[in-house]
Amino acid sequence: MRTLSRRLARFDWSAVEQDVLKVLYENIIGAETRKRLGEYYTPDWLAHIMVTEAIATPLEQRVLDAACGSGTFLFHAYPSIFSRG
């Protein structure tokens, strides 16, 4: 936990360009374990397309990532507020 905490503290959170929680989780839990558990993640490119298509007026819509996982859809919805606003 200390090593993880130190690594996270060094991270520049203002320059995040990907779903960090997904990357972190995938590095901690191996692919075979995730497969055995039936865990699958939406690729970032697909989440981005879906959010772009589904959120027409970001400041007037609510966004829910019901399955949540690492929050990939929320991650991609957040910047859309600023890029289209």
C-alpha atoms as a PDB file:
ATOM      1  CA  MET A   1       0.000   0.000   0.000  1.00  0.00           C
ATOM      2  CA  ARG A   2       2.827   2.416   0.758  1.00  0.00           C
ATOM      3  CA  THR A   3       4.385   1.839  -2.651  1.00  0.00           C
ATOM      4  CA  LEU A   4       1.026   2.388  -4.322  1.00  0.00           C
ATOM      5  CA  SER A   5       0.457   5.526  -2.262  1.00  0.00           C
ATOM      6  CA  ARG A   6       3.874   6.935  -3.242  1.00  0.00           C
ATOM      7  CA  ARG A   7       3.257   6.217  -6.916  1.00  0.00           C
ATOM      8  CA  LEU A   8      -0.151   7.913  -6.818  1.00  0.00           C
ATOM      9  CA  ALA A   9       1.288  10.945  -5.011  1.00  0.00           C
ATOM     10  CA  ARG A  10       3.798  11.478  -7.852  1.00  0.00           C
ATOM     11  CA  PHE A  11       1.078  11.406 -10.491  1.00  0.00           C
ATOM     12  CA  ASP A  12       0.167  14.696 -12.198  1.00  0.00           C
ATOM     13  CA  TRP A  13      -3.634  14.521 -11.886  1.00  0.00           C
ATOM     14  CA  SER A  14      -4.134  17.719 -13.889  1.00  0.00           C
ATOM     15  CA  ALA A  15      -2.788  16.052 -17.038  1.00  0.00           C
ATOM     16  CA  VAL A  16      -4.861  12.841 -16.953  1.00  0.00           C
ATOM     17  CA  GLU A  17      -5.647  11.612 -20.460  1.00  0.00           C
ATOM     18  CA  GLN A  18      -6.843   8.086 -19.688  1.00  0.00           C
ATOM     19  CA  ASP A  19      -8.892   6.139 -17.174  1.00  0.00           C
ATOM     20  CA  VAL A  20      -6.219   5.815 -14.486  1.00  0.00           C
ATOM     21  CA  LEU A  21      -8.282   3.555 -12.232  1.00  0.00           C
ATOM     22  CA  LYS A  22      -8.749   1.041 -15.045  1.00  0.00           C
ATOM     23  CA  VAL A  23      -5.025   1.007 -15.828  1.00  0.00           C
ATOM     24  CA  LEU A  24      -4.168   0.674 -12.144  1.00  0.00           C
ATOM     25  CA  TYR A  25      -6.644  -2.168 -11.605  1.00  0.00           C
ATOM     26  CA  GLU A  26      -5.509  -4.019 -14.734  1.00  0.00           C
ATOM     27  CA  ASN A  27      -1.908  -3.810 -13.510  1.00  0.00           C
ATOM     28  CA  ILE A  28      -2.801  -5.174 -10.078  1.00  0.00           C
ATOM     29  CA  ILE A  29      -5.257  -7.921 -11.114  1.00  0.00           C
ATOM     30  CA  GLY A  30      -3.902 -10.187 -13.845  1.00  0.00           C
ATOM     31  CA  ALA A  31      -5.730 -10.800 -17.126  1.00  0.00           C
ATOM     32  CA  GLU A  32      -6.390 -14.472 -16.307  1.00  0.00           C
ATOM     33  CA  THR A  33      -8.016 -13.581 -12.967  1.00  0.00           C
ATOM     34  CA  ARG A  34     -10.164 -10.906 -14.626  1.00  0.00           C
ATOM     35  CA  LYS A  35     -11.206 -13.408 -17.292  1.00  0.00           C
ATOM     36  CA  ARG A  36     -12.056 -16.053 -14.682  1.00  0.00           C
ATOM     37  CA  LEU A  37     -14.181 -13.501 -12.813  1.00  0.00           C
ATOM     38  CA  GLY A  38     -15.950 -12.427 -16.011  1.00  0.00           C
ATOM     39  CA  GLU A  39     -14.642  -8.873 -15.822  1.00  0.00           C
ATOM     40  CA  TYR A  40     -14.510  -7.002 -19.095  1.00  0.00           C
ATOM     41  CA  TYR A  41     -13.921  -3.326 -19.677  1.00  0.00           C
ATOM     42  CA  THR A  42     -15.217  -1.005 -22.351  1.00  0.00           C
ATOM     43  CA  PRO A  43     -12.259   0.192 -24.430  1.00  0.00           C
ATOM     44  CA  ASP A  44     -11.598   3.921 -24.096  1.00  0.00           C
ATOM     45  CA  TRP A  45     -12.146   4.525 -27.815  1.00  0.00           C
ATOM     46  CA  LEU A  46     -15.632   2.989 -27.617  1.00  0.00           C
ATOM     47  CA  ALA A  47     -16.580   4.826 -24.406  1.00  0.00           C
ATOM     48  CA  HIS A  48     -15.487   8.095 -26.022  1.00  0.00           C
ATOM     49  CA  ILE A  49     -17.647   7.485 -29.107  1.00  0.00           C
ATOM     50  CA  MET A  50     -20.660   6.484 -27.015  1.00  0.00           C
ATOM     51  CA  VAL A  51     -20.368   9.543 -24.767  1.00  0.00           C
ATOM     52  CA  THR A  52     -19.935  11.841 -27.759  1.00  0.00           C
ATOM     53  CA  GLU A  53     -23.083  10.400 -29.343  1.00  0.00           C
ATOM     54  CA  ALA A  54     -25.184  10.247 -26.159  1.00  0.00           C
ATOM     55  CA  ILE A  55     -24.385  13.584 -24.525  1.00  0.00           C
ATOM     56  CA  ALA A  56     -25.629  16.385 -26.749  1.00  0.00           C
ATOM     57  CA  THR A  57     -25.940  19.093 -24.086  1.00  0.00           C
ATOM     58  CA  PRO A  58     -23.503  18.176 -21.308  1.00  0.00           C
ATOM     59  CA  LEU A  59     -24.480  21.008 -18.969  1.00  0.00           C
ATOM     60  CA  GLU A  60     -28.165  20.050 -19.163  1.00  0.00           C
ATOM     61  CA  GLN A  61     -27.904  16.259 -18.970  1.00  0.00           C
ATOM     62  CA  ARG A  62     -27.143  13.833 -16.189  1.00  0.00           C
ATOM     63  CA  VAL A  63     -24.648  11.077 -16.800  1.00  0.00           C
ATOM     64  CA  LEU A  64     -24.818   7.677 -15.143  1.00  0.00           C
ATOM     65  CA  ASP A  65     -22.355   4.857 -15.546  1.00  0.00           C
ATOM     66  CA  ALA A  66     -24.572   2.184 -14.002  1.00  0.00           C
ATOM     67  CA  ALA A  67     -22.034  -0.621 -14.128  1.00  0.00           C
ATOM     68  CA  CYS A  68     -19.370   1.897 -13.112  1.00  0.00           C
ATOM     69  CA  GLY A  69     -16.341  -0.385 -12.790  1.00  0.00           C
ATOM     70  CA  SER A  70     -13.530   2.142 -12.974  1.00  0.00           C
ATOM     71  CA  GLY A  71     -15.830   4.857 -14.301  1.00  0.00           C
ATOM     72  CA  THR A  72     -14.666   4.878 -17.933  1.00  0.00           C
ATOM     73  CA  PHE A  73     -17.886   6.459 -19.203  1.00  0.00           C
ATOM     74  CA  LEU A  74     -17.798   9.104 -16.467  1.00  0.00           C
ATOM     75  CA  PHE A  75     -14.153   9.780 -17.259  1.00  0.00           C
ATOM     76  CA  HIS A  76     -15.034  10.441 -20.889  1.00  0.00           C
ATOM     77  CA  ALA A  77     -18.171  12.430 -20.024  1.00  0.00           C
ATOM     78  CA  TYR A  78     -16.349  14.873 -17.775  1.00  0.00           C
ATOM     79  CA  PRO A  79     -14.113  16.419 -20.476  1.00  0.00           C
ATOM     80  CA  SER A  80     -17.058  16.680 -22.861  1.00  0.00           C
ATOM     81  CA  ILE A  81     -18.508  19.366 -20.627  1.00  0.00           C
ATOM     82  CA  PHE A  82     -15.489  21.562 -21.262  1.00  0.00           C
ATOM     83  CA  SER A  83     -14.768  20.688 -24.867  1.00  0.00           C
ATOM     84  CA  ARG A  84     -18.322  21.369 -26.097  1.00  0.00           C
ATOM     85  CA  GLY A  85     -19.568  23.762 -23.435  1.00  0.00           C
END
